[in-house]
C-alpha atoms as a PDB file:
ATOM      1  CA  MET A   1     -34.832 -22.031  -2.487  1.00  0.00           C
ATOM      2  CA  ALA A   2     -37.358 -19.461  -3.013  1.00  0.00           C
ATOM      3  CA  SER A   3     -37.019 -15.931  -2.483  1.00  0.00           C
ATOM      4  CA  THR A   4     -37.846 -12.643  -2.508  1.00  0.00           C
ATOM      5  CA  THR A   5     -37.419  -8.820  -2.528  1.00  0.00           C
ATOM      6  CA  VAL A   6     -36.229  -6.916   0.946  1.00  0.00           C
ATOM      7  CA  ARG A   7     -35.863  -3.454   0.840  1.00  0.00           C
ATOM      8  CA  VAL A   8     -33.693  -1.798   3.394  1.00  0.00           C
ATOM      9  CA  THR A   9     -31.626   1.594   3.851  1.00  0.00           C
ATOM     10  CA  GLU A  10     -28.481   2.101   2.304  1.00  0.00           C
ATOM     11  CA  HIS A  11     -27.152   2.102   6.209  1.00  0.00           C
ATOM     12  CA  THR A  12     -28.451  -1.510   6.872  1.00  0.00           C
ATOM     13  CA  HIS A  13     -26.987  -3.220   3.557  1.00  0.00           C
ATOM     14  CA  ALA A  14     -23.234  -1.468   4.327  1.00  0.00           C
ATOM     15  CA  VAL A  15     -24.095  -3.425   7.594  1.00  0.00           C
ATOM     16  CA  LEU A  16     -25.028  -6.299   6.497  1.00  0.00           C
ATOM     17  CA  ARG A  17     -22.277  -6.888   3.413  1.00  0.00           C
ATOM     18  CA  GLU A  18     -20.002  -5.468   6.893  1.00  0.00           C
ATOM     19  CA  LEU A  19     -20.834  -8.367   8.367  1.00  0.00           C
ATOM     20  CA  ALA A  20     -21.136 -10.609   5.198  1.00  0.00           C
ATOM     21  CA  GLU A  21     -17.055  -9.585   4.905  1.00  0.00           C
ATOM     22  CA  ALA A  22     -16.058 -10.658   8.301  1.00  0.00           C
ATOM     23  CA  THR A  23     -17.867 -14.113   9.163  1.00  0.00           C
ATOM     24  CA  GLY A  24     -17.062 -15.153   5.450  1.00  0.00           C
ATOM     25  CA  GLU A  25     -20.869 -16.120   5.241  1.00  0.00           C
ATOM     26  CA  PRO A  26     -23.264 -14.907   2.543  1.00  0.00           C
ATOM     27  CA  LEU A  27     -25.315 -11.983   3.047  1.00  0.00           C
ATOM     28  CA  GLN A  28     -28.622 -13.551   2.772  1.00  0.00           C
ATOM     29  CA  GLN A  29     -27.437 -15.759   5.436  1.00  0.00           C
ATOM     30  CA  VAL A  30     -26.057 -12.996   7.837  1.00  0.00           C
ATOM     31  CA  LEU A  31     -29.869 -11.438   7.050  1.00  0.00           C
ATOM     32  CA  GLU A  32     -31.281 -14.539   8.102  1.00  0.00           C
ATOM     33  CA  GLU A  33     -29.680 -15.491  11.051  1.00  0.00           C
ATOM     34  CA  ALA A  34     -29.815 -12.056  12.438  1.00  0.00           C
ATOM     35  CA  VAL A  35     -33.711 -12.458  12.220  1.00  0.00           C
ATOM     36  CA  GLU A  36     -33.812 -15.363  13.597  1.00  0.00           C
ATOM     37  CA  ARG A  37     -31.842 -14.200  16.252  1.00  0.00           C
ATOM     38  CA  TYR A  38     -34.944 -10.800  16.432  1.00  0.00           C
ATOM     39  CA  ARG A  39     -37.906 -13.515  16.689  1.00  0.00           C
ATOM     40  CA  ARG A  40     -36.282 -14.678  19.395  1.00  0.00           C
ATOM     41  CA  GLU A  41     -35.663 -11.961  21.555  1.00  0.00           C
ATOM     42  CA  ARG A  42     -38.777 -11.192  20.380  1.00  0.00           C
ATOM     43  CA  PHE A  43     -40.375 -14.427  21.385  1.00  0.00           C
ATOM     44  CA  PHE A  44     -38.545 -14.071  25.098  1.00  0.00           C
ATOM     45  CA  ALA A  45     -39.513 -10.663  26.070  1.00  0.00           C
ATOM     46  CA  ASP A  46     -43.725 -11.356  25.166  1.00  0.00           C
ATOM     47  CA  LEU A  47     -42.860 -14.741  27.568  1.00  0.00           C
ATOM     48  CA  HIS A  48     -41.098 -12.576  30.302  1.00  0.00           C
ATOM     49  CA  ALA A  49     -43.765  -9.593  29.951  1.00  0.00           C
ATOM     50  CA  ALA A  50     -46.407 -12.608  30.292  1.00  0.00           C
ATOM     51  CA  TYR A  51     -45.043 -14.046  33.701  1.00  0.00           C
ATOM     52  CA  ALA A  52     -44.818 -10.324  34.527  1.00  0.00           C
ATOM     53  CA  ARG A  53     -48.752  -9.927  34.568  1.00  0.00           C
ATOM     54  CA  LEU A  54     -49.130 -13.088  36.174  1.00  0.00           C
ATOM     55  CA  ALA A  55     -47.054 -11.944  38.817  1.00  0.00           C
ATOM     56  CA  GLY A  56     -49.238  -9.424  38.683  1.00  0.00           C
ATOM     57  CA  ASP A  57     -52.720 -11.593  40.247  1.00  0.00           C
ATOM     58  CA  ARG A  58     -51.750 -12.744  43.199  1.00  0.00           C
ATOM     59  CA  ALA A  59     -54.377 -15.764  42.967  1.00  0.00           C
ATOM     60  CA  GLY A  60     -53.309 -16.611  39.666  1.00  0.00           C
ATOM     61  CA  TRP A  61     -48.726 -16.218  40.244  1.00  0.00           C
ATOM     62  CA  GLN A  62     -50.055 -18.626  43.294  1.00  0.00           C
ATOM     63  CA  GLU A  63     -51.533 -21.526  40.980  1.00  0.00           C
ATOM     64  CA  GLU A  64     -47.966 -21.162  38.960  1.00  0.00           C
ATOM     65  CA  LEU A  65     -46.097 -21.438  41.884  1.00  0.00           C
ATOM     66  CA  ASP A  66     -48.597 -24.698  42.982  1.00  0.00           C
ATOM     67  CA  GLU A  67     -47.979 -25.989  39.835  1.00  0.00           C
ATOM     68  CA  ARG A  68     -44.654 -25.998  39.554  1.00  0.00           C
ATOM     69  CA  ALA A  69     -44.811 -27.440  42.912  1.00  0.00           C
ATOM     70  CA  GLN A  70     -46.261 -29.691  41.575  1.00  0.00           C
ATOM     71  CA  LEU A  71     -43.534 -30.946  39.376  1.00  0.00           C
ATOM     72  CA  GLU A  72     -40.345 -30.284  41.617  1.00  0.00           C
ATOM     73  CA  GLY A  73     -38.766 -33.663  41.087  1.00  0.00           C
ATOM     74  CA  THR A  74     -40.239 -35.108  38.180  1.00  0.00           C
ATOM     75  CA  LEU A  75     -37.809 -35.092  35.524  1.00  0.00           C
ATOM     76  CA  ALA A  76     -36.301 -37.879  37.826  1.00  0.00           C
ATOM     77  CA  ASP A  77     -39.539 -40.163  37.927  1.00  0.00           C
ATOM     78  CA  GLY A  78     -38.526 -43.151  36.954  1.00  0.00           C
ATOM     79  CA  LEU A  79     -34.766 -43.069  36.877  1.00  0.00           C
ATOM     80  CA  ASP A  80     -32.728 -45.351  39.804  1.00  0.00           C
ATOM     81  CA  GLU A  81     -30.801 -42.740  42.165  1.00  0.00           C
ATOM     82  CA  PRO A  82     -27.180 -43.518  41.678  1.00  0.00           C
END
């Protein structure tokens, strides 16, 4: 696996080291997991903001609600009732 050097503050390095020691994971893995969690957090924050903007547009929001209504129940299409 290729790697590169990233400069972090002494505080950040100390926190990473503490987390690595507490979890028994390599410091690099702790950092990778933290970055991935932050990426997901940003994704959902951006998604939430986009839906908030859409909700502010009456016509656009109604279009969204209409589409949801059309899709309601389609997950069960073709499945026999128990």
